[in-house]
PDB file of N, CA and C in Angstrom:
ATOM      1  N   UNK A   1     -26.145  90.992 -68.582  1.00  0.00           N
ATOM      2  CA  UNK A   1     -25.647  90.801 -67.010  1.00  0.00           C
ATOM      3  C   UNK A   1     -25.202  89.838 -66.497  1.00  0.00           C
ATOM      4  N   UNK A   2     -25.959  88.263 -66.859  1.00  0.00           N
ATOM      5  CA  UNK A   2     -25.283  86.989 -66.643  1.00  0.00           C
ATOM      6  C   UNK A   2     -23.887  86.929 -66.799  1.00  0.00           C
ATOM      7  N   UNK A   3     -23.590  87.559 -68.058  1.00  0.00           N
ATOM      8  CA  UNK A   3     -22.405  87.469 -68.475  1.00  0.00           C
ATOM      9  C   UNK A   3     -21.397  88.004 -68.117  1.00  0.00           C
ATOM     10  N   UNK A   4     -21.576  88.985 -67.307  1.00  0.00           N
ATOM     11  CA  UNK A   4     -20.652  89.744 -66.576  1.00  0.00           C
ATOM     12  C   UNK A   4     -20.485  89.386 -65.151  1.00  0.00           C
ATOM     13  N   UNK A   5     -21.684  88.650 -64.758  1.00  0.00           N
ATOM     14  CA  UNK A   5     -21.278  87.919 -63.406  1.00  0.00           C
ATOM     15  C   UNK A   5     -20.351  86.686 -63.610  1.00  0.00           C
ATOM     16  N   UNK A   6     -20.421  86.090 -64.545  1.00  0.00           N
ATOM     17  CA  UNK A   6     -19.749  84.737 -64.872  1.00  0.00           C
ATOM     18  C   UNK A   6     -18.261  85.305 -65.142  1.00  0.00           C
ATOM     19  N   UNK A   7     -18.149  86.725 -65.681  1.00  0.00           N
ATOM     20  CA  UNK A   7     -16.396  86.974 -66.048  1.00  0.00           C
ATOM     21  C   UNK A   7     -15.796  87.513 -64.644  1.00  0.00           C
ATOM     22  N   UNK A   8     -16.947  88.141 -63.917  1.00  0.00           N
ATOM     23  CA  UNK A   8     -16.441  88.486 -62.612  1.00  0.00           C
ATOM     24  C   UNK A   8     -15.888  87.031 -61.867  1.00  0.00           C
ATOM     25  N   UNK A   9     -16.599  86.324 -61.549  1.00  0.00           N
ATOM     26  CA  UNK A   9     -16.729  85.159 -60.769  1.00  0.00           C
ATOM     27  C   UNK A   9     -15.454  84.450 -61.450  1.00  0.00           C
ATOM     28  N   UNK A  10     -15.224  84.080 -62.872  1.00  0.00           N
ATOM     29  CA  UNK A  10     -13.753  83.257 -63.173  1.00  0.00           C
ATOM     30  C   UNK A  10     -12.675  84.233 -62.849  1.00  0.00           C
ATOM     31  N   UNK A  11     -12.561  85.843 -63.254  1.00  0.00           N
ATOM     32  CA  UNK A  11     -11.623  86.487 -62.845  1.00  0.00           C
ATOM     33  C   UNK A  11     -11.246  86.370 -61.447  1.00  0.00           C
ATOM     34  N   UNK A  12     -12.070  86.397 -60.397  1.00  0.00           N
ATOM     35  CA  UNK A  12     -11.725  86.106 -59.325  1.00  0.00           C
ATOM     36  C   UNK A  12     -11.178  84.985 -58.854  1.00  0.00           C
ATOM     37  N   UNK A  13     -11.814  83.860 -59.521  1.00  0.00           N
ATOM     38  CA  UNK A  13     -11.554  82.551 -59.306  1.00  0.00           C
ATOM     39  C   UNK A  13      -9.922  82.205 -59.678  1.00  0.00           C
ATOM     40  N   UNK A  14      -9.549  82.671 -61.021  1.00  0.00           N
ATOM     41  CA  UNK A  14      -8.286  82.596 -61.456  1.00  0.00           C
ATOM     42  C   UNK A  14      -7.233  83.444 -60.533  1.00  0.00           C
ATOM     43  N   UNK A  15      -7.840  84.660 -60.113  1.00  0.00           N
ATOM     44  CA  UNK A  15      -6.857  85.417 -59.175  1.00  0.00           C
ATOM     45  C   UNK A  15      -6.322  84.435 -57.937  1.00  0.00           C
ATOM     46  N   UNK A  16      -7.568  83.790 -56.981  1.00  0.00           N
ATOM     47  CA  UNK A  16      -7.281  82.789 -56.054  1.00  0.00           C
ATOM     48  C   UNK A  16      -6.287  81.859 -56.570  1.00  0.00           C
ATOM     49  N   UNK A  17      -6.636  81.191 -57.399  1.00  0.00           N
ATOM     50  CA  UNK A  17      -5.936  80.216 -58.061  1.00  0.00           C
ATOM     51  C   UNK A  17      -4.370  80.438 -58.145  1.00  0.00           C
ATOM     52  N   UNK A  18      -4.138  81.767 -58.837  1.00  0.00           N
ATOM     53  CA  UNK A  18      -2.873  81.702 -59.582  1.00  0.00           C
ATOM     54  C   UNK A  18      -2.212  82.610 -58.128  1.00  0.00           C
ATOM     55  N   UNK A  19      -2.671  83.175 -57.169  1.00  0.00           N
ATOM     56  CA  UNK A  19      -2.162  83.708 -55.786  1.00  0.00           C
ATOM     57  C   UNK A  19      -1.558  82.501 -55.061  1.00  0.00           C
ATOM     58  N   UNK A  20      -2.422  81.141 -54.919  1.00  0.00           N
ATOM     59  CA  UNK A  20      -2.038  79.971 -54.240  1.00  0.00           C
ATOM     60  C   UNK A  20      -1.296  79.243 -54.932  1.00  0.00           C
ATOM     61  N   UNK A  21      -1.009  79.529 -55.723  1.00  0.00           N
ATOM     62  CA  UNK A  21      -0.125  78.762 -56.824  1.00  0.00           C
ATOM     63  C   UNK A  21       1.542  79.179 -56.979  1.00  0.00           C
ATOM     64  N   UNK A  22       1.269  80.765 -56.445  1.00  0.00           N
ATOM     65  CA  UNK A  22       2.490  81.784 -56.870  1.00  0.00           C
ATOM     66  C   UNK A  22       2.874  82.061 -58.110  1.00  0.00           C
ATOM     67  N   UNK A  23       1.965  82.324 -58.790  1.00  0.00           N
ATOM     68  CA  UNK A  23       1.758  82.268 -60.215  1.00  0.00           C
ATOM     69  C   UNK A  23       2.232  83.846 -60.647  1.00  0.00           C
ATOM     70  N   UNK A  24       3.579  84.219 -61.250  1.00  0.00           N
ATOM     71  CA  UNK A  24       3.545  85.473 -61.266  1.00  0.00           C
ATOM     72  C   UNK A  24       2.784  85.957 -62.302  1.00  0.00           C
ATOM     73  N   UNK A  25       2.944  87.287 -62.846  1.00  0.00           N
ATOM     74  CA  UNK A  25       2.217  88.274 -63.755  1.00  0.00           C
ATOM     75  C   UNK A  25       3.209  88.390 -65.190  1.00  0.00           C
ATOM     76  N   UNK A  26       4.515  88.062 -65.239  1.00  0.00           N
ATOM     77  CA  UNK A  26       5.139  88.290 -66.407  1.00  0.00           C
ATOM     78  C   UNK A  26       4.751  87.617 -67.739  1.00  0.00           C
ATOM     79  N   UNK A  27       3.784  86.770 -68.019  1.00  0.00           N
ATOM     80  CA  UNK A  27       3.101  86.191 -68.962  1.00  0.00           C
ATOM     81  C   UNK A  27       2.091  87.157 -69.646  1.00  0.00           C
ATOM     82  N   UNK A  28       1.404  88.010 -68.444  1.00  0.00           N
ATOM     83  CA  UNK A  28       0.108  88.696 -68.880  1.00  0.00           C
ATOM     84  C   UNK A  28       0.210  89.529 -70.194  1.00  0.00           C
ATOM     85  N   UNK A  29       1.269  90.333 -70.426  1.00  0.00           N
ATOM     86  CA  UNK A  29       1.413  91.218 -71.490  1.00  0.00           C
ATOM     87  C   UNK A  29       1.842  90.257 -72.383  1.00  0.00           C
ATOM     88  N   UNK A  30       2.314  89.341 -72.566  1.00  0.00           N
ATOM     89  CA  UNK A  30       2.333  88.311 -73.961  1.00  0.00           C
ATOM     90  C   UNK A  30       0.912  87.743 -74.466  1.00  0.00           C
ATOM     91  N   UNK A  31       0.211  87.217 -73.318  1.00  0.00           N
ATOM     92  CA  UNK A  31      -1.312  86.897 -73.128  1.00  0.00           C
ATOM     93  C   UNK A  31      -1.704  87.948 -74.028  1.00  0.00           C
ATOM     94  N   UNK A  32      -1.907  89.198 -73.498  1.00  0.00           N
ATOM     95  CA  UNK A  32      -2.818  90.010 -74.082  1.00  0.00           C
ATOM     96  C   UNK A  32      -2.595  90.576 -75.585  1.00  0.00           C
ATOM     97  N   UNK A  33      -1.166  90.549 -75.716  1.00  0.00           N
ATOM     98  CA  UNK A  33      -0.602  90.954 -77.226  1.00  0.00           C
ATOM     99  C   UNK A  33      -0.939  89.925 -78.109  1.00  0.00           C
ATOM    100  N   UNK A  34      -0.888  88.695 -77.896  1.00  0.00           N
ATOM    101  CA  UNK A  34      -1.407  87.784 -78.737  1.00  0.00           C
ATOM    102  C   UNK A  34      -2.825  87.437 -78.769  1.00  0.00           C
ATOM    103  N   UNK A  35      -3.490  87.727 -77.953  1.00  0.00           N
ATOM    104  CA  UNK A  35      -4.803  87.737 -77.697  1.00  0.00           C
ATOM    105  C   UNK A  35      -5.457  88.740 -78.716  1.00  0.00           C
ATOM    106  N   UNK A  36      -4.958  89.852 -78.906  1.00  0.00           N
ATOM    107  CA  UNK A  36      -5.438  91.308 -79.369  1.00  0.00           C
ATOM    108  C   UNK A  36      -5.059  90.843 -80.860  1.00  0.00           C
ATOM    109  N   UNK A  37      -3.728  90.134 -81.320  1.00  0.00           N
ATOM    110  CA  UNK A  37      -3.468  89.944 -82.575  1.00  0.00           C
ATOM    111  C   UNK A  37      -4.586  89.010 -83.056  1.00  0.00           C
ATOM    112  N   UNK A  38      -4.638  88.100 -82.335  1.00  0.00           N
ATOM    113  CA  UNK A  38      -6.024  86.936 -82.738  1.00  0.00           C
ATOM    114  C   UNK A  38      -6.974  87.526 -83.065  1.00  0.00           C
ATOM    115  N   UNK A  39      -7.260  88.661 -82.345  1.00  0.00           N
ATOM    116  CA  UNK A  39      -8.804  88.944 -82.274  1.00  0.00           C
ATOM    117  C   UNK A  39      -9.020  89.876 -83.848  1.00  0.00           C
ATOM    118  N   UNK A  40      -7.500  90.857 -83.956  1.00  0.00           N
ATOM    119  CA  UNK A  40      -7.829  91.576 -85.131  1.00  0.00           C
ATOM    120  C   UNK A  40      -8.004  90.755 -86.625  1.00  0.00           C
ATOM    121  N   UNK A  41      -7.214  89.682 -86.540  1.00  0.00           N
ATOM    122  CA  UNK A  41      -7.181  88.399 -87.399  1.00  0.00           C
ATOM    123  C   UNK A  41      -8.507  88.144 -87.842  1.00  0.00           C
ATOM    124  N   UNK A  42      -9.017  87.466 -86.623  1.00  0.00           N
ATOM    125  CA  UNK A  42     -10.639  87.113 -86.820  1.00  0.00           C
ATOM    126  C   UNK A  42     -11.263  88.076 -87.294  1.00  0.00           C
ATOM    127  N   UNK A  43     -11.382  89.055 -86.745  1.00  0.00           N
ATOM    128  CA  UNK A  43     -11.865  90.210 -87.343  1.00  0.00           C
ATOM    129  C   UNK A  43     -11.694  90.730 -89.105  1.00  0.00           C
ATOM    130  N   UNK A  44     -10.556  90.148 -89.457  1.00  0.00           N
ATOM    131  CA  UNK A  44     -10.082  90.412 -90.831  1.00  0.00           C
ATOM    132  C   UNK A  44     -11.025  89.443 -91.844  1.00  0.00           C
ATOM    133  N   UNK A  45     -11.095  88.157 -90.785  1.00  0.00           N
ATOM    134  CA  UNK A  45     -11.794  87.223 -91.643  1.00  0.00           C
ATOM    135  C   UNK A  45     -13.263  86.992 -91.642  1.00  0.00           C
ATOM    136  N   UNK A  46     -13.984  87.949 -90.952  1.00  0.00           N
ATOM    137  CA  UNK A  46     -15.524  88.604 -91.141  1.00  0.00           C
ATOM    138  C   UNK A  46     -15.754  89.099 -92.378  1.00  0.00           C
ATOM    139  N   UNK A  47     -16.882  88.997 -93.136  1.00  0.00           N
ATOM    140  CA  UNK A  47     -17.381  89.299 -94.428  1.00  0.00           C
ATOM    141  C   UNK A  47     -17.014  90.959 -94.628  1.00  0.00           C
ATOM    142  N   UNK A  48     -17.426  91.508 -93.498  1.00  0.00           N
ATOM    143  CA  UNK A  48     -17.000  92.982 -93.509  1.00  0.00           C
ATOM    144  C   UNK A  48     -15.598  93.526 -93.501  1.00  0.00           C
ATOM    145  N   UNK A  49     -14.709  92.458 -93.128  1.00  0.00           N
ATOM    146  CA  UNK A  49     -13.173  93.048 -92.847  1.00  0.00           C
ATOM    147  C   UNK A  49     -13.046  93.885 -91.678  1.00  0.00           C
ATOM    148  N   UNK A  50     -11.828  94.500 -91.766  1.00  0.00           N
ATOM    149  CA  UNK A  50     -11.411  95.141 -90.628  1.00  0.00           C
ATOM    150  C   UNK A  50     -10.547  96.088 -90.600  1.00  0.00           C
ATOM    151  N   UNK A  51     -10.790  97.522 -90.589  1.00  0.00           N
ATOM    152  CA  UNK A  51      -9.994  98.771 -90.707  1.00  0.00           C
ATOM    153  C   UNK A  51      -8.890  98.668 -89.951  1.00  0.00           C
ATOM    154  N   UNK A  52      -7.779  97.936 -89.964  1.00  0.00           N
ATOM    155  CA  UNK A  52      -6.467  97.689 -89.433  1.00  0.00           C
ATOM    156  C   UNK A  52      -5.653  98.897 -89.303  1.00  0.00           C
ATOM    157  N   UNK A  53      -5.961  99.755 -90.618  1.00  0.00           N
ATOM    158  CA  UNK A  53      -5.205 101.109 -90.623  1.00  0.00           C
ATOM    159  C   UNK A  53      -5.761 102.207 -90.616  1.00  0.00           C
ATOM    160  N   UNK A  54      -6.991 102.068 -89.626  1.00  0.00           N
ATOM    161  CA  UNK A  54      -7.680 103.570 -89.465  1.00  0.00           C
ATOM    162  C   UNK A  54      -7.254 104.466 -89.157  1.00  0.00           C
ATOM    163  N   UNK A  55      -7.368 105.600 -89.605  1.00  0.00           N
ATOM    164  CA  UNK A  55      -8.432 106.406 -90.138  1.00  0.00           C
ATOM    165  C   UNK A  55      -8.435 106.014 -91.647  1.00  0.00           C
ATOM    166  N   UNK A  56      -7.503 105.383 -92.504  1.00  0.00           N
ATOM    167  CA  UNK A  56      -7.417 104.951 -93.659  1.00  0.00           C
ATOM    168  C   UNK A  56      -8.594 104.535 -94.296  1.00  0.00           C
ATOM    169  N   UNK A  57      -9.117 104.393 -95.158  1.00  0.00           N
ATOM    170  CA  UNK A  57     -10.406 104.008 -95.301  1.00  0.00           C
ATOM    171  C   UNK A  57     -10.205 102.095 -96.078  1.00  0.00           C
ATOM    172  N   UNK A  58      -9.120 101.847 -96.201  1.00  0.00           N
ATOM    173  CA  UNK A  58      -8.853 100.547 -96.922  1.00  0.00           C
ATOM    174  C   UNK A  58      -9.093  99.379 -95.780  1.00  0.00           C
ATOM    175  N   UNK A  59      -9.944  98.457 -95.660  1.00  0.00           N
ATOM    176  CA  UNK A  59     -10.037  97.264 -95.223  1.00  0.00           C
ATOM    177  C   UNK A  59      -9.396  96.127 -95.693  1.00  0.00           C
ATOM    178  N   UNK A  60      -8.858  95.301 -94.408  1.00  0.00           N
ATOM    179  CA  UNK A  60      -8.221  93.983 -94.730  1.00  0.00           C
ATOM    180  C   UNK A  60      -9.684  92.821 -94.555  1.00  0.00           C
ATOM    181  N   UNK A  61      -9.547  92.212 -95.622  1.00  0.00           N
ATOM    182  CA  UNK A  61     -10.548  91.136 -95.799  1.00  0.00           C
ATOM    183  C   UNK A  61     -10.117  89.895 -96.559  1.00  0.00           C
ATOM    184  N   UNK A  62     -10.790  88.863 -96.406  1.00  0.00           N
ATOM    185  CA  UNK A  62     -10.592  87.647 -97.528  1.00  0.00           C
ATOM    186  C   UNK A  62     -10.809  88.009 -98.635  1.00  0.00           C
ATOM    187  N   UNK A  63     -10.418  87.194 -99.581  1.00  0.00           N
ATOM    188  CA  UNK A  63     -10.701  87.640-100.756  1.00  0.00           C
ATOM    189  C   UNK A  63     -11.805  86.483-101.560  1.00  0.00           C
ATOM    190  N   UNK A  64     -12.341  86.844-102.414  1.00  0.00           N
ATOM    191  CA  UNK A  64     -13.217  85.958-102.986  1.00  0.00           C
ATOM    192  C   UNK A  64     -14.544  85.894-102.331  1.00  0.00           C
ATOM    193  N   UNK A  65     -14.920  86.955-101.391  1.00  0.00           N
ATOM    194  CA  UNK A  65     -15.864  86.625-100.493  1.00  0.00           C
ATOM    195  C   UNK A  65     -16.386  85.670 -99.889  1.00  0.00           C
ATOM    196  N   UNK A  66     -15.340  85.055 -98.924  1.00  0.00           N
ATOM    197  CA  UNK A  66     -15.566  84.032 -98.488  1.00  0.00           C
ATOM    198  C   UNK A  66     -15.292  84.013 -97.008  1.00  0.00           C
ATOM    199  N   UNK A  67     -15.533  85.404 -96.409  1.00  0.00           N
ATOM    200  CA  UNK A  67     -15.492  85.581 -94.827  1.00  0.00           C
ATOM    201  C   UNK A  67     -16.426  85.161 -94.124  1.00  0.00           C
ATOM    202  N   UNK A  68     -16.500  85.053 -93.144  1.00  0.00           N
ATOM    203  CA  UNK A  68     -17.177  84.283 -91.966  1.00  0.00           C
ATOM    204  C   UNK A  68     -18.333  85.560 -91.776  1.00  0.00           C
ATOM    205  N   UNK A  69     -19.345  85.191 -91.590  1.00  0.00           N
ATOM    206  CA  UNK A  69     -20.660  85.833 -91.366  1.00  0.00           C
ATOM    207  C   UNK A  69     -20.920  85.825 -89.997  1.00  0.00           C
ATOM    208  N   UNK A  70     -20.829  86.632 -89.241  1.00  0.00           N
ATOM    209  CA  UNK A  70     -20.745  86.754 -87.737  1.00  0.00           C
ATOM    210  C   UNK A  70     -21.930  86.799 -87.350  1.00  0.00           C
ATOM    211  N   UNK A  71     -22.568  85.996 -86.015  1.00  0.00           N
ATOM    212  CA  UNK A  71     -23.676  85.909 -85.424  1.00  0.00           C
ATOM    213  C   UNK A  71     -24.393  84.557 -85.972  1.00  0.00           C
ATOM    214  N   UNK A  72     -24.046  83.867 -86.919  1.00  0.00           N
ATOM    215  CA  UNK A  72     -24.609  82.589 -87.378  1.00  0.00           C
ATOM    216  C   UNK A  72     -24.518  81.665 -86.768  1.00  0.00           C
ATOM    217  N   UNK A  73     -24.848  80.337 -87.288  1.00  0.00           N
ATOM    218  CA  UNK A  73     -24.760  79.090 -86.804  1.00  0.00           C
ATOM    219  C   UNK A  73     -23.003  78.619 -86.442  1.00  0.00           C
ATOM    220  N   UNK A  74     -22.274  78.956 -87.506  1.00  0.00           N
ATOM    221  CA  UNK A  74     -21.143  78.503 -87.616  1.00  0.00           C
ATOM    222  C   UNK A  74     -19.901  79.248 -86.529  1.00  0.00           C
ATOM    223  N   UNK A  75     -20.321  80.235 -86.004  1.00  0.00           N
ATOM    224  CA  UNK A  75     -19.890  80.800 -85.000  1.00  0.00           C
ATOM    225  C   UNK A  75     -20.294  80.600 -83.922  1.00  0.00           C
ATOM    226  N   UNK A  76     -21.712  80.131 -83.520  1.00  0.00           N
ATOM    227  CA  UNK A  76     -22.298  80.236 -82.494  1.00  0.00           C
ATOM    228  C   UNK A  76     -22.102  78.576 -81.883  1.00  0.00           C
ATOM    229  N   UNK A  77     -22.439  77.746 -82.943  1.00  0.00           N
ATOM    230  CA  UNK A  77     -22.460  76.375 -82.711  1.00  0.00           C
ATOM    231  C   UNK A  77     -20.688  75.398 -82.740  1.00  0.00           C
ATOM    232  N   UNK A  78     -19.817  76.120 -83.573  1.00  0.00           N
ATOM    233  CA  UNK A  78     -18.516  75.461 -83.986  1.00  0.00           C
ATOM    234  C   UNK A  78     -17.556  76.642 -83.397  1.00  0.00           C
ATOM    235  N   UNK A  79     -17.610  77.718 -83.648  1.00  0.00           N
ATOM    236  CA  UNK A  79     -16.158  78.413 -83.080  1.00  0.00           C
ATOM    237  C   UNK A  79     -16.477  78.480 -81.942  1.00  0.00           C
ATOM    238  N   UNK A  80     -17.287  79.581 -81.409  1.00  0.00           N
ATOM    239  CA  UNK A  80     -17.338  79.548 -80.081  1.00  0.00           C
ATOM    240  C   UNK A  80     -17.110  78.506 -79.073  1.00  0.00           C
ATOM    241  N   UNK A  81     -17.798  77.170 -78.985  1.00  0.00           N
ATOM    242  CA  UNK A  81     -17.589  76.054 -78.095  1.00  0.00           C
ATOM    243  C   UNK A  81     -16.034  75.681 -78.442  1.00  0.00           C
ATOM    244  N   UNK A  82     -15.453  75.512 -79.623  1.00  0.00           N
ATOM    245  CA  UNK A  82     -13.842  75.203 -80.015  1.00  0.00           C
ATOM    246  C   UNK A  82     -12.962  76.152 -79.108  1.00  0.00           C
ATOM    247  N   UNK A  83     -12.954  77.420 -79.072  1.00  0.00           N
ATOM    248  CA  UNK A  83     -12.297  78.170 -78.679  1.00  0.00           C
ATOM    249  C   UNK A  83     -12.495  78.230 -77.009  1.00  0.00           C
ATOM    250  N   UNK A  84     -13.617  78.321 -76.572  1.00  0.00           N
ATOM    251  CA  UNK A  84     -13.684  78.043 -75.152  1.00  0.00           C
ATOM    252  C   UNK A  84     -12.967  76.620 -74.677  1.00  0.00           C
ATOM    253  N   UNK A  85     -12.978  75.797 -75.377  1.00  0.00           N
ATOM    254  CA  UNK A  85     -12.625  74.209 -74.946  1.00  0.00           C
ATOM    255  C   UNK A  85     -10.780  75.106 -74.987  1.00  0.00           C
ATOM    256  N   UNK A  86     -10.570  75.314 -76.165  1.00  0.00           N
ATOM    257  CA  UNK A  86      -9.094  75.886 -76.464  1.00  0.00           C
ATOM    258  C   UNK A  86      -8.487  76.670 -75.086  1.00  0.00           C
ATOM    259  N   UNK A  87      -9.530  77.586 -74.673  1.00  0.00           N
ATOM    260  CA  UNK A  87      -8.921  78.364 -73.439  1.00  0.00           C
ATOM    261  C   UNK A  87      -8.656  77.708 -72.140  1.00  0.00           C
ATOM    262  N   UNK A  88      -9.930  76.899 -71.767  1.00  0.00           N
ATOM    263  CA  UNK A  88      -9.685  75.753 -70.770  1.00  0.00           C
ATOM    264  C   UNK A  88      -8.665  75.161 -70.720  1.00  0.00           C
ATOM    265  N   UNK A  89      -8.348  74.435 -71.858  1.00  0.00           N
ATOM    266  CA  UNK A  89      -7.134  73.789 -72.186  1.00  0.00           C
ATOM    267  C   UNK A  89      -6.038  74.287 -71.720  1.00  0.00           C
ATOM    268  N   UNK A  90      -5.669  75.592 -72.411  1.00  0.00           N
ATOM    269  CA  UNK A  90      -4.452  76.211 -72.177  1.00  0.00           C
ATOM    270  C   UNK A  90      -4.288  76.869 -70.859  1.00  0.00           C
ATOM    271  N   UNK A  91      -5.645  76.929 -70.271  1.00  0.00           N
ATOM    272  CA  UNK A  91      -5.474  77.358 -68.748  1.00  0.00           C
ATOM    273  C   UNK A  91      -5.019  76.233 -68.076  1.00  0.00           C
ATOM    274  N   UNK A  92      -5.446  74.821 -68.155  1.00  0.00           N
ATOM    275  CA  UNK A  92      -4.808  73.706 -67.432  1.00  0.00           C
ATOM    276  C   UNK A  92      -3.544  73.627 -67.535  1.00  0.00           C
ATOM    277  N   UNK A  93      -3.117  73.640 -68.894  1.00  0.00           N
ATOM    278  CA  UNK A  93      -1.897  73.309 -69.369  1.00  0.00           C
ATOM    279  C   UNK A  93      -0.632  74.335 -68.708  1.00  0.00           C
ATOM    280  N   UNK A  94      -1.560  75.918 -68.456  1.00  0.00           N
ATOM    281  CA  UNK A  94      -0.768  76.573 -67.956  1.00  0.00           C
ATOM    282  C   UNK A  94      -0.502  76.393 -66.361  1.00  0.00           C
ATOM    283  N   UNK A  95      -1.560  76.068 -65.654  1.00  0.00           N
ATOM    284  CA  UNK A  95      -1.361  75.517 -64.364  1.00  0.00           C
ATOM    285  C   UNK A  95      -0.539  74.432 -63.870  1.00  0.00           C
ATOM    286  N   UNK A  96      -0.579  73.542 -65.046  1.00  0.00           N
ATOM    287  CA  UNK A  96       0.196  72.539 -64.693  1.00  0.00           C
ATOM    288  C   UNK A  96       1.804  72.489 -64.893  1.00  0.00           C
ATOM    289  N   UNK A  97       1.910  73.618 -65.370  1.00  0.00           N
ATOM    290  CA  UNK A  97       3.543  73.762 -65.495  1.00  0.00           C
ATOM    291  C   UNK A  97       4.115  75.151 -64.660  1.00  0.00           C
TER     292      UNK A  97
END
């Protein structure tokens, strides 16, 4: 529930900031498309792979069993903070231009 409230607050805040800066929404489709592609690539990097061509049974995954184990320390302590900083940095970069 707390995560949903943070999400709602951030969305409302960004809406107010974008409206006050007169930022258009032409970039939104590109951002969603790139985000979705990166999400699928990330899913393919997990230990279980990703059924990109579902309903076909083939899963795309990294070879040699080197996939990332989800929910472990690497994801929680390294990957999540790095991605969070990158997202905030991209937001400030977008607002600056």
